[in-house]
Amino acid sequence: MIEVTVKTNAKKDSILKTGENSYKIETKARAKDMEANLKVIEILAEYLKIPKNSLFIKSGLRYKKKLIEIKE
């Protein structure tokens, strides 16, 4: 499991590793119509160099703190 804290409506997309399994992600996407959640998955998958469909938001779909599971 990966813990992610998300900041939406940022000036640019970025990711910062804050712990062994935790990240802070800033995205330009809005927190509306799943835009930010989709962008978070995209940013994290690119950072971890894994396919986007390997990541699943386990909890926090509507909150800034999320638990993301990696499906093998």
N, C-alpha and C. Protein backbone atom coordinates (compact mmCIF):
# COMPACT_ATOMS: atom_id res chain seq x y z
N MET A 1 0.84 -1.19 0.00
CA MET A 1 0.00 0.00 0.00
C MET A 1 0.88 1.25 0.00
N ILE A 2 0.41 2.23 -0.72
CA ILE A 2 1.11 3.51 -0.81
C ILE A 2 0.19 4.59 -0.27
N GLU A 3 0.72 5.43 0.61
CA GLU A 3 -0.04 6.56 1.14
C GLU A 3 0.29 7.80 0.31
N VAL A 4 -0.75 8.48 -0.13
CA VAL A 4 -0.55 9.66 -0.98
C VAL A 4 -1.36 10.82 -0.41
N THR A 5 -0.71 11.98 -0.33
CA THR A 5 -1.40 13.22 -0.01
C THR A 5 -1.44 14.04 -1.29
N VAL A 6 -2.62 14.52 -1.65
CA VAL A 6 -2.81 15.19 -2.94
C VAL A 6 -3.16 16.66 -2.75
N LYS A 7 -2.54 17.50 -3.56
CA LYS A 7 -2.91 18.91 -3.63
C LYS A 7 -3.36 19.16 -5.06
N THR A 8 -4.61 19.58 -5.21
CA THR A 8 -5.15 19.84 -6.54
C THR A 8 -4.99 21.32 -6.90
N ASN A 9 -5.24 21.64 -8.14
CA ASN A 9 -5.16 23.01 -8.66
C ASN A 9 -3.79 23.64 -8.43
N ALA A 10 -2.73 22.82 -8.51
CA ALA A 10 -1.37 23.32 -8.32
C ALA A 10 -0.88 24.00 -9.60
N LYS A 11 0.24 24.68 -9.52
CA LYS A 11 0.79 25.35 -10.70
C LYS A 11 1.39 24.36 -11.68
N LYS A 12 1.88 23.21 -11.16
CA LYS A 12 2.44 22.19 -12.02
C LYS A 12 2.24 20.82 -11.39
N ASP A 13 2.38 19.77 -12.19
CA ASP A 13 2.31 18.40 -11.69
C ASP A 13 3.66 18.03 -11.10
N SER A 14 3.66 17.48 -9.89
CA SER A 14 4.91 17.07 -9.27
C SER A 14 4.66 15.96 -8.26
N ILE A 15 5.73 15.24 -7.92
CA ILE A 15 5.65 14.18 -6.93
C ILE A 15 6.89 14.26 -6.04
N LEU A 16 6.67 14.06 -4.75
CA LEU A 16 7.76 14.10 -3.78
C LEU A 16 7.61 12.91 -2.85
N LYS A 17 8.67 12.12 -2.73
CA LYS A 17 8.65 10.97 -1.83
C LYS A 17 8.88 11.50 -0.41
N THR A 18 7.93 11.20 0.50
CA THR A 18 8.02 11.72 1.86
C THR A 18 8.32 10.64 2.88
N GLY A 19 8.34 9.39 2.46
CA GLY A 19 8.63 8.26 3.34
C GLY A 19 8.80 7.01 2.51
N GLU A 20 8.99 5.89 3.17
CA GLU A 20 9.22 4.64 2.45
C GLU A 20 8.08 4.30 1.49
N ASN A 21 6.84 4.46 1.96
CA ASN A 21 5.66 4.17 1.13
C ASN A 21 4.71 5.35 1.09
N SER A 22 5.23 6.55 1.16
CA SER A 22 4.34 7.72 1.14
C SER A 22 4.88 8.80 0.20
N TYR A 23 3.93 9.48 -0.43
CA TYR A 23 4.26 10.51 -1.42
C TYR A 23 3.34 11.70 -1.26
N LYS A 24 3.83 12.86 -1.70
CA LYS A 24 2.99 14.04 -1.83
C LYS A 24 2.93 14.35 -3.32
N ILE A 25 1.73 14.41 -3.85
CA ILE A 25 1.54 14.68 -5.28
C ILE A 25 0.75 15.97 -5.44
N GLU A 26 1.29 16.86 -6.28
CA GLU A 26 0.58 18.08 -6.64
C GLU A 26 0.20 17.96 -8.11
N THR A 27 -1.04 18.32 -8.40
CA THR A 27 -1.51 18.22 -9.78
C THR A 27 -2.28 19.46 -10.20
N LYS A 28 -2.17 19.79 -11.47
CA LYS A 28 -2.93 20.92 -12.02
C LYS A 28 -4.40 20.58 -12.17
N ALA A 29 -4.72 19.28 -12.13
CA ALA A 29 -6.10 18.84 -12.33
C ALA A 29 -7.01 19.31 -11.19
N ARG A 30 -8.27 19.48 -11.52
CA ARG A 30 -9.28 19.89 -10.53
C ARG A 30 -9.81 18.67 -9.80
N ALA A 31 -10.29 18.89 -8.60
CA ALA A 31 -10.89 17.81 -7.82
C ALA A 31 -12.37 17.69 -8.19
N LYS A 32 -12.62 17.47 -9.45
CA LYS A 32 -13.99 17.38 -9.94
C LYS A 32 -14.04 16.31 -11.02
N ASP A 33 -15.10 15.52 -11.01
CA ASP A 33 -15.32 14.49 -12.03
C ASP A 33 -14.14 13.53 -12.16
N MET A 34 -13.49 13.20 -11.04
CA MET A 34 -12.38 12.24 -11.00
C MET A 34 -11.12 12.71 -11.73
N GLU A 35 -11.07 13.97 -12.18
CA GLU A 35 -9.91 14.47 -12.90
C GLU A 35 -8.63 14.30 -12.09
N ALA A 36 -8.65 14.75 -10.84
CA ALA A 36 -7.45 14.70 -10.01
C ALA A 36 -7.05 13.26 -9.70
N ASN A 37 -8.00 12.39 -9.41
CA ASN A 37 -7.68 11.00 -9.12
C ASN A 37 -7.01 10.32 -10.31
N LEU A 38 -7.52 10.56 -11.49
CA LEU A 38 -6.91 9.97 -12.69
C LEU A 38 -5.50 10.50 -12.92
N LYS A 39 -5.32 11.78 -12.66
CA LYS A 39 -3.99 12.38 -12.84
C LYS A 39 -3.02 11.86 -11.79
N VAL A 40 -3.48 11.66 -10.56
CA VAL A 40 -2.64 11.11 -9.49
C VAL A 40 -2.13 9.72 -9.89
N ILE A 41 -3.02 8.89 -10.41
CA ILE A 41 -2.64 7.55 -10.87
C ILE A 41 -1.60 7.66 -11.99
N GLU A 42 -1.82 8.57 -12.91
CA GLU A 42 -0.89 8.76 -14.03
C GLU A 42 0.49 9.19 -13.54
N ILE A 43 0.52 10.17 -12.65
CA ILE A 43 1.79 10.69 -12.13
C ILE A 43 2.54 9.61 -11.36
N LEU A 44 1.83 8.89 -10.49
CA LEU A 44 2.46 7.85 -9.67
C LEU A 44 2.96 6.69 -10.54
N ALA A 45 2.18 6.28 -11.52
CA ALA A 45 2.59 5.19 -12.40
C ALA A 45 3.85 5.57 -13.19
N GLU A 46 3.90 6.79 -13.67
CA GLU A 46 5.07 7.26 -14.40
C GLU A 46 6.30 7.28 -13.48
N TYR A 47 6.13 7.74 -12.26
CA TYR A 47 7.23 7.82 -11.30
C TYR A 47 7.75 6.43 -10.95
N LEU A 48 6.83 5.48 -10.73
CA LEU A 48 7.21 4.12 -10.34
C LEU A 48 7.56 3.24 -11.55
N LYS A 49 7.34 3.78 -12.75
CA LYS A 49 7.60 3.06 -14.00
C LYS A 49 6.82 1.74 -14.08
N ILE A 50 5.53 1.84 -13.80
CA ILE A 50 4.62 0.70 -13.91
C ILE A 50 3.38 1.14 -14.69
N PRO A 51 2.61 0.19 -15.23
CA PRO A 51 1.40 0.57 -15.97
C PRO A 51 0.35 1.21 -15.06
N LYS A 52 -0.39 2.16 -15.61
CA LYS A 52 -1.44 2.83 -14.84
C LYS A 52 -2.48 1.86 -14.31
N ASN A 53 -2.79 0.82 -15.08
CA ASN A 53 -3.82 -0.11 -14.65
C ASN A 53 -3.35 -1.04 -13.52
N SER A 54 -2.10 -0.90 -13.08
CA SER A 54 -1.60 -1.65 -11.92
C SER A 54 -1.93 -0.95 -10.60
N LEU A 55 -2.37 0.30 -10.68
CA LEU A 55 -2.65 1.09 -9.48
C LEU A 55 -4.16 1.21 -9.27
N PHE A 56 -4.57 1.10 -8.01
CA PHE A 56 -5.98 1.15 -7.65
C PHE A 56 -6.13 1.96 -6.37
N ILE A 57 -7.00 2.96 -6.37
CA ILE A 57 -7.25 3.76 -5.16
C ILE A 57 -8.14 2.94 -4.23
N LYS A 58 -7.55 2.44 -3.16
CA LYS A 58 -8.24 1.57 -2.20
C LYS A 58 -9.16 2.39 -1.30
N SER A 59 -8.69 3.55 -0.85
CA SER A 59 -9.54 4.42 -0.03
C SER A 59 -9.12 5.87 -0.24
N GLY A 60 -10.04 6.78 0.07
CA GLY A 60 -9.77 8.20 -0.07
C GLY A 60 -10.14 8.77 -1.42
N LEU A 61 -11.05 8.12 -2.10
CA LEU A 61 -11.43 8.55 -3.45
C LEU A 61 -11.88 10.01 -3.47
N ARG A 62 -12.51 10.46 -2.39
CA ARG A 62 -13.03 11.83 -2.36
C ARG A 62 -12.28 12.73 -1.38
N TYR A 63 -11.08 12.30 -0.95
CA TYR A 63 -10.31 13.04 0.04
C TYR A 63 -8.89 13.26 -0.44
N LYS A 64 -8.18 14.17 0.21
CA LYS A 64 -6.81 14.45 -0.23
C LYS A 64 -5.82 13.39 0.22
N LYS A 65 -6.15 12.62 1.25
CA LYS A 65 -5.31 11.50 1.68
C LYS A 65 -5.87 10.22 1.07
N LYS A 66 -5.01 9.48 0.37
CA LYS A 66 -5.44 8.29 -0.34
C LYS A 66 -4.54 7.11 -0.02
N LEU A 67 -5.11 5.91 -0.05
CA LEU A 67 -4.34 4.68 0.01
C LEU A 67 -4.43 4.05 -1.36
N ILE A 68 -3.28 3.79 -1.96
CA ILE A 68 -3.25 3.24 -3.30
C ILE A 68 -2.58 1.87 -3.26
N GLU A 69 -3.24 0.91 -3.89
CA GLU A 69 -2.75 -0.46 -3.92
C GLU A 69 -2.12 -0.73 -5.28
N ILE A 70 -1.01 -1.47 -5.26
CA ILE A 70 -0.38 -1.91 -6.50
C ILE A 70 -0.82 -3.33 -6.77
N LYS A 71 -1.50 -3.53 -7.90
CA LYS A 71 -1.94 -4.88 -8.30
C LYS A 71 -0.85 -5.50 -9.16
N GLU A 72 -0.49 -6.70 -8.85
CA GLU A 72 0.57 -7.40 -9.60
C GLU A 72 -0.02 -8.18 -10.74
